[in-house]
Amino acid sequence: MRHEAHFQIELVYVRVGTILSLGPVVQYAEAQKDAPLEISVCRGADGHFTVYDDSGNGWGYEKGQRATIDFNWNEAAQTHTIGARQGTFPGMNVEREFRIVWDGAGANEAKAFRSVVYKGKKLAIKV
């Protein structure tokens, strides 16, 4: 009798300077809205990313009911800046936890990790 094993290997290649946001797996848009969001930064070059957020329910985004937050990595200064929140929408979380992971640019470089509570104001984090 022959048994077959099935494996799924996920490998993602990203450019240095890439910033990715990773959230929990959810069944619908409004689930776990207060769950921490992981921000993964691939060091080695400057990077920029914008997080877009809305209620996840209804058509309010068409009326401008949404918020964005800019994330910037400055390689030379080894500083990650989370910009001031732009916009608002009904039911928006005023505070948000971000778990920031800085991946090394080389195979032998270590990862750095920091958890921050974001309250909508600009934050600069030195690695």
N, C-alpha and C. Protein backbone atom coordinates (compact mmCIF):
# COMPACT_ATOMS: atom_id res chain seq x y z
N MET A 1 0.84 -1.17 0.00
CA MET A 1 0.00 0.00 0.00
C MET A 1 0.88 1.24 0.00
N ARG A 2 0.58 2.16 -0.88
CA ARG A 2 1.39 3.37 -1.02
C ARG A 2 0.72 4.53 -0.29
N HIS A 3 1.50 5.26 0.50
CA HIS A 3 1.01 6.45 1.20
C HIS A 3 1.72 7.67 0.65
N GLU A 4 0.96 8.67 0.34
CA GLU A 4 1.54 9.91 -0.15
C GLU A 4 1.42 10.99 0.90
N ALA A 5 2.49 11.70 1.08
CA ALA A 5 2.47 12.84 2.01
C ALA A 5 2.35 14.13 1.19
N HIS A 6 1.59 15.04 1.70
CA HIS A 6 1.43 16.33 1.03
C HIS A 6 1.96 17.42 1.95
N PHE A 7 2.85 18.21 1.42
CA PHE A 7 3.44 19.30 2.17
C PHE A 7 3.26 20.59 1.41
N GLN A 8 3.05 21.65 2.14
CA GLN A 8 2.98 22.96 1.52
C GLN A 8 4.11 23.78 2.10
N ILE A 9 5.01 24.18 1.25
CA ILE A 9 6.13 24.99 1.69
C ILE A 9 5.93 26.39 1.12
N GLU A 10 5.93 27.35 2.02
CA GLU A 10 5.75 28.72 1.57
C GLU A 10 7.07 29.46 1.71
N LEU A 11 7.53 29.98 0.62
CA LEU A 11 8.77 30.73 0.59
C LEU A 11 8.49 32.00 -0.20
N VAL A 12 8.80 33.11 0.40
CA VAL A 12 8.55 34.39 -0.25
C VAL A 12 9.87 35.13 -0.36
N TYR A 13 10.19 35.56 -1.54
CA TYR A 13 11.37 36.38 -1.75
C TYR A 13 10.92 37.83 -1.79
N VAL A 14 11.57 38.66 -1.01
CA VAL A 14 11.24 40.08 -1.00
C VAL A 14 12.52 40.89 -1.15
N ARG A 15 12.38 42.09 -1.68
CA ARG A 15 13.52 42.99 -1.84
C ARG A 15 13.87 43.61 -0.49
N VAL A 16 15.13 43.96 -0.33
CA VAL A 16 15.51 44.69 0.87
C VAL A 16 14.74 46.01 0.86
N GLY A 17 14.33 46.44 2.04
CA GLY A 17 13.53 47.65 2.16
C GLY A 17 12.04 47.37 2.14
N THR A 18 11.65 46.13 1.88
CA THR A 18 10.23 45.79 1.86
C THR A 18 9.66 45.82 3.27
N ILE A 19 8.45 46.36 3.39
CA ILE A 19 7.72 46.36 4.66
C ILE A 19 6.41 45.64 4.41
N LEU A 20 6.15 44.60 5.18
CA LEU A 20 4.92 43.81 5.03
C LEU A 20 4.10 43.90 6.31
N SER A 21 2.78 43.98 6.17
CA SER A 21 1.91 43.90 7.35
C SER A 21 1.25 42.53 7.33
N LEU A 22 1.27 41.89 8.49
CA LEU A 22 0.72 40.54 8.61
C LEU A 22 -0.27 40.53 9.76
N GLY A 23 -1.49 40.17 9.46
CA GLY A 23 -2.52 40.10 10.49
C GLY A 23 -2.96 38.68 10.72
N PRO A 24 -3.82 38.47 11.69
CA PRO A 24 -4.32 37.12 11.96
C PRO A 24 -5.25 36.64 10.84
N VAL A 25 -5.35 35.35 10.70
CA VAL A 25 -6.31 34.77 9.76
C VAL A 25 -7.69 34.96 10.37
N VAL A 26 -8.62 35.54 9.59
CA VAL A 26 -9.96 35.81 10.09
C VAL A 26 -11.00 35.28 9.10
N GLN A 27 -12.18 35.01 9.61
CA GLN A 27 -13.25 34.50 8.77
C GLN A 27 -14.05 35.60 8.09
N TYR A 28 -14.04 36.80 8.69
CA TYR A 28 -14.76 37.93 8.11
C TYR A 28 -14.05 39.22 8.53
N ALA A 29 -14.30 40.30 7.81
CA ALA A 29 -13.54 41.54 7.95
C ALA A 29 -13.55 42.13 9.36
N GLU A 30 -14.63 41.99 10.09
CA GLU A 30 -14.73 42.63 11.40
C GLU A 30 -14.16 41.78 12.54
N ALA A 31 -13.74 40.56 12.25
CA ALA A 31 -13.21 39.68 13.29
C ALA A 31 -11.84 40.16 13.75
N GLN A 32 -11.60 40.10 15.04
CA GLN A 32 -10.32 40.42 15.65
C GLN A 32 -9.76 41.77 15.24
N LYS A 33 -10.61 42.79 15.22
CA LYS A 33 -10.17 44.12 14.81
C LYS A 33 -9.13 44.71 15.75
N ASP A 34 -9.09 44.22 16.99
CA ASP A 34 -8.12 44.75 17.94
C ASP A 34 -6.89 43.86 18.07
N ALA A 35 -6.77 42.85 17.22
CA ALA A 35 -5.60 41.96 17.26
C ALA A 35 -4.36 42.73 16.83
N PRO A 36 -3.21 42.41 17.41
CA PRO A 36 -1.96 43.08 17.01
C PRO A 36 -1.68 42.84 15.53
N LEU A 37 -1.06 43.82 14.90
CA LEU A 37 -0.66 43.72 13.51
C LEU A 37 0.85 43.62 13.48
N GLU A 38 1.38 42.58 12.83
CA GLU A 38 2.82 42.43 12.73
C GLU A 38 3.32 43.19 11.51
N ILE A 39 4.33 44.01 11.73
CA ILE A 39 4.96 44.76 10.66
C ILE A 39 6.36 44.19 10.48
N SER A 40 6.61 43.56 9.35
CA SER A 40 7.89 42.92 9.08
C SER A 40 8.70 43.80 8.13
N VAL A 41 9.90 44.18 8.56
CA VAL A 41 10.77 45.06 7.79
C VAL A 41 12.00 44.28 7.35
N CYS A 42 12.25 44.25 6.06
CA CYS A 42 13.44 43.59 5.53
C CYS A 42 14.54 44.65 5.40
N ARG A 43 15.46 44.64 6.35
CA ARG A 43 16.52 45.65 6.37
C ARG A 43 17.45 45.51 5.17
N GLY A 44 18.16 46.59 4.89
CA GLY A 44 19.12 46.58 3.79
C GLY A 44 18.95 47.76 2.87
N ALA A 45 17.78 48.41 2.91
CA ALA A 45 17.49 49.60 2.11
C ALA A 45 16.31 50.32 2.74
N ASP A 46 16.14 51.59 2.39
CA ASP A 46 14.99 52.35 2.87
C ASP A 46 13.70 51.70 2.36
N GLY A 47 12.63 51.84 3.14
CA GLY A 47 11.35 51.27 2.73
C GLY A 47 10.18 52.11 3.19
N HIS A 48 9.04 51.93 2.52
CA HIS A 48 7.82 52.66 2.84
C HIS A 48 6.62 51.73 2.62
N PHE A 49 5.63 51.86 3.50
CA PHE A 49 4.40 51.08 3.37
C PHE A 49 3.28 51.88 4.03
N THR A 50 2.09 51.81 3.49
CA THR A 50 0.92 52.47 4.07
C THR A 50 -0.12 51.43 4.44
N VAL A 51 -0.55 51.45 5.71
CA VAL A 51 -1.64 50.59 6.17
C VAL A 51 -2.95 51.34 5.95
N TYR A 52 -3.89 50.69 5.29
CA TYR A 52 -5.22 51.23 5.05
C TYR A 52 -6.19 50.50 5.97
N ASP A 53 -7.09 51.25 6.60
CA ASP A 53 -8.05 50.64 7.52
C ASP A 53 -9.41 51.31 7.35
N ASP A 54 -10.46 50.52 7.38
CA ASP A 54 -11.82 51.06 7.41
C ASP A 54 -12.68 50.13 8.26
N SER A 55 -13.97 50.39 8.33
CA SER A 55 -14.84 49.61 9.21
C SER A 55 -14.97 48.16 8.76
N GLY A 56 -14.71 47.90 7.49
CA GLY A 56 -14.85 46.54 6.98
C GLY A 56 -16.29 46.14 6.75
N ASN A 57 -17.20 47.09 6.94
CA ASN A 57 -18.62 46.81 6.83
C ASN A 57 -19.31 48.03 6.23
N GLY A 58 -19.98 47.85 5.13
CA GLY A 58 -20.74 48.95 4.54
C GLY A 58 -19.95 49.72 3.49
N TRP A 59 -20.46 50.89 3.16
CA TRP A 59 -19.93 51.71 2.08
C TRP A 59 -19.31 53.01 2.56
N GLY A 60 -19.03 53.12 3.86
CA GLY A 60 -18.47 54.35 4.41
C GLY A 60 -17.17 54.77 3.77
N TYR A 61 -16.37 53.80 3.32
CA TYR A 61 -15.09 54.14 2.69
C TYR A 61 -15.29 55.01 1.45
N GLU A 62 -16.44 54.86 0.78
CA GLU A 62 -16.73 55.68 -0.40
C GLU A 62 -16.97 57.14 -0.02
N LYS A 63 -17.27 57.38 1.24
CA LYS A 63 -17.50 58.74 1.75
C LYS A 63 -16.27 59.25 2.50
N GLY A 64 -15.14 58.56 2.37
CA GLY A 64 -13.91 59.00 3.02
C GLY A 64 -13.75 58.51 4.45
N GLN A 65 -14.61 57.60 4.90
CA GLN A 65 -14.51 57.07 6.26
C GLN A 65 -13.48 55.94 6.27
N ARG A 66 -12.23 56.35 6.41
CA ARG A 66 -11.12 55.42 6.40
C ARG A 66 -9.93 56.09 7.06
N ALA A 67 -8.93 55.29 7.40
CA ALA A 67 -7.71 55.82 8.00
C ALA A 67 -6.50 55.16 7.35
N THR A 68 -5.41 55.91 7.26
CA THR A 68 -4.15 55.37 6.76
C THR A 68 -3.04 55.70 7.75
N ILE A 69 -2.04 54.82 7.79
CA ILE A 69 -0.87 55.04 8.63
C ILE A 69 0.35 54.68 7.79
N ASP A 70 1.29 55.62 7.69
CA ASP A 70 2.51 55.40 6.92
C ASP A 70 3.60 54.80 7.82
N PHE A 71 4.31 53.83 7.27
CA PHE A 71 5.45 53.20 7.93
C PHE A 71 6.67 53.45 7.05
N ASN A 72 7.73 53.98 7.65
CA ASN A 72 8.95 54.28 6.91
C ASN A 72 10.17 53.71 7.62
N TRP A 73 11.01 53.02 6.87
CA TRP A 73 12.25 52.49 7.40
C TRP A 73 13.40 53.28 6.79
N ASN A 74 14.27 53.84 7.65
CA ASN A 74 15.45 54.57 7.22
C ASN A 74 16.65 53.69 7.54
N GLU A 75 17.25 53.12 6.52
CA GLU A 75 18.34 52.17 6.70
C GLU A 75 19.57 52.83 7.34
N ALA A 76 19.96 54.01 6.86
CA ALA A 76 21.17 54.67 7.38
C ALA A 76 21.04 55.00 8.86
N ALA A 77 19.87 55.48 9.27
CA ALA A 77 19.64 55.86 10.66
C ALA A 77 19.18 54.69 11.52
N GLN A 78 18.86 53.54 10.88
CA GLN A 78 18.32 52.37 11.58
C GLN A 78 17.10 52.77 12.43
N THR A 79 16.23 53.56 11.80
CA THR A 79 15.05 54.08 12.49
C THR A 79 13.79 53.75 11.70
N HIS A 80 12.78 53.31 12.43
CA HIS A 80 11.46 53.01 11.84
C HIS A 80 10.50 54.08 12.36
N THR A 81 9.85 54.77 11.43
CA THR A 81 8.90 55.82 11.81
C THR A 81 7.50 55.39 11.45
N ILE A 82 6.61 55.48 12.42
CA ILE A 82 5.19 55.25 12.18
C ILE A 82 4.56 56.64 12.16
N GLY A 83 3.98 57.01 11.04
CA GLY A 83 3.43 58.36 10.88
C GLY A 83 2.13 58.57 11.64
N ALA A 84 1.74 59.82 11.75
CA ALA A 84 0.46 60.16 12.38
C ALA A 84 -0.68 59.60 11.53
N ARG A 85 -1.69 59.09 12.20
CA ARG A 85 -2.85 58.53 11.51
C ARG A 85 -3.56 59.64 10.73
N GLN A 86 -3.95 59.33 9.51
CA GLN A 86 -4.69 60.25 8.67
C GLN A 86 -6.09 59.70 8.46
N GLY A 87 -7.11 60.44 8.88
CA GLY A 87 -8.49 60.01 8.68
C GLY A 87 -9.08 59.31 9.89
N THR A 88 -10.36 59.02 9.77
CA THR A 88 -11.10 58.35 10.83
C THR A 88 -12.32 57.65 10.24
N PHE A 89 -12.90 56.76 11.01
CA PHE A 89 -14.13 56.09 10.60
C PHE A 89 -14.85 55.59 11.83
N PRO A 90 -16.17 55.39 11.75
CA PRO A 90 -16.93 54.90 12.91
C PRO A 90 -16.43 53.53 13.37
N GLY A 91 -16.25 53.39 14.68
CA GLY A 91 -15.81 52.12 15.24
C GLY A 91 -14.30 51.90 15.20
N MET A 92 -13.55 52.92 14.79
CA MET A 92 -12.09 52.80 14.68
C MET A 92 -11.46 52.62 16.07
N ASN A 93 -10.50 51.71 16.16
CA ASN A 93 -9.73 51.55 17.40
C ASN A 93 -8.79 52.74 17.54
N VAL A 94 -8.88 53.44 18.67
CA VAL A 94 -8.03 54.60 18.90
C VAL A 94 -6.59 54.15 19.15
N GLU A 95 -6.42 53.03 19.84
CA GLU A 95 -5.10 52.46 20.09
C GLU A 95 -4.96 51.17 19.29
N ARG A 96 -3.73 50.92 18.87
CA ARG A 96 -3.46 49.71 18.09
C ARG A 96 -2.08 49.19 18.47
N GLU A 97 -1.96 47.89 18.64
CA GLU A 97 -0.65 47.31 18.92
C GLU A 97 0.00 46.87 17.61
N PHE A 98 1.24 47.31 17.43
CA PHE A 98 2.04 46.88 16.30
C PHE A 98 3.23 46.09 16.84
N ARG A 99 3.45 44.93 16.28
CA ARG A 99 4.63 44.13 16.60
C ARG A 99 5.57 44.25 15.42
N ILE A 100 6.64 44.97 15.62
CA ILE A 100 7.56 45.25 14.52
C ILE A 100 8.74 44.29 14.59
N VAL A 101 9.00 43.64 13.46
CA VAL A 101 10.11 42.69 13.35
C VAL A 101 11.03 43.20 12.25
N TRP A 102 12.28 43.42 12.61
CA TRP A 102 13.28 43.84 11.64
C TRP A 102 14.13 42.63 11.29
N ASP A 103 14.01 42.18 10.06
CA ASP A 103 14.80 41.03 9.60
C ASP A 103 16.15 41.53 9.09
N GLY A 104 17.21 40.79 9.39
CA GLY A 104 18.54 41.16 8.93
C GLY A 104 18.65 41.08 7.43
N ALA A 105 19.49 41.92 6.87
CA ALA A 105 19.67 41.96 5.42
C ALA A 105 20.54 40.80 4.94
N GLY A 106 21.34 40.23 5.82
CA GLY A 106 22.21 39.12 5.44
C GLY A 106 21.83 37.85 6.18
N ALA A 107 22.34 36.74 5.71
CA ALA A 107 21.99 35.44 6.29
C ALA A 107 22.41 35.32 7.76
N ASN A 108 23.48 36.01 8.14
CA ASN A 108 23.98 35.89 9.51
C ASN A 108 23.50 36.99 10.44
N GLU A 109 22.65 37.88 9.96
CA GLU A 109 22.18 38.98 10.78
C GLU A 109 20.95 38.56 11.58
N ALA A 110 20.91 39.01 12.81
CA ALA A 110 19.81 38.65 13.71
C ALA A 110 18.58 39.50 13.46
N LYS A 111 17.46 38.99 13.94
CA LYS A 111 16.22 39.74 13.89
C LYS A 111 16.10 40.58 15.15
N ALA A 112 15.45 41.72 15.01
CA ALA A 112 15.12 42.55 16.18
C ALA A 112 13.60 42.61 16.24
N PHE A 113 13.06 42.74 17.45
CA PHE A 113 11.62 42.74 17.63
C PHE A 113 11.24 43.77 18.67
N ARG A 114 10.13 44.48 18.44
CA ARG A 114 9.61 45.42 19.43
C ARG A 114 8.10 45.51 19.26
N SER A 115 7.40 45.54 20.38
CA SER A 115 5.96 45.72 20.38
C SER A 115 5.68 47.13 20.88
N VAL A 116 4.84 47.87 20.14
CA VAL A 116 4.51 49.24 20.52
C VAL A 116 3.00 49.43 20.50
N VAL A 117 2.52 50.28 21.40
CA VAL A 117 1.11 50.67 21.39
C VAL A 117 1.04 52.01 20.68
N TYR A 118 0.31 52.04 19.59
CA TYR A 118 0.20 53.22 18.75
C TYR A 118 -1.11 53.92 19.06
N LYS A 119 -1.05 55.24 19.29
CA LYS A 119 -2.23 56.01 19.64
C LYS A 119 -2.58 57.07 18.60
N GLY A 120 -2.05 56.90 17.39
CA GLY A 120 -2.40 57.82 16.30
C GLY A 120 -1.42 58.94 16.07
N LYS A 121 -0.43 59.07 16.94
CA LYS A 121 0.58 60.12 16.78
C LYS A 121 1.88 59.53 16.24
N LYS A 122 2.66 60.36 15.59
CA LYS A 122 3.93 59.93 14.99
C LYS A 122 4.85 59.33 16.07
N LEU A 123 5.48 58.22 15.69
CA LEU A 123 6.40 57.51 16.58
C LEU A 123 7.68 57.18 15.81
N ALA A 124 8.82 57.43 16.41
CA ALA A 124 10.09 57.03 15.80
C ALA A 124 10.73 55.99 16.71
N ILE A 125 11.13 54.86 16.12
CA ILE A 125 11.69 53.75 16.89
C ILE A 125 13.07 53.44 16.35
N LYS A 126 14.05 53.54 17.21
CA LYS A 126 15.44 53.22 16.85
C LYS A 126 15.69 51.75 17.14
N VAL A 127 16.28 51.04 16.18
CA VAL A 127 16.56 49.62 16.39
C VAL A 127 17.80 49.46 17.22
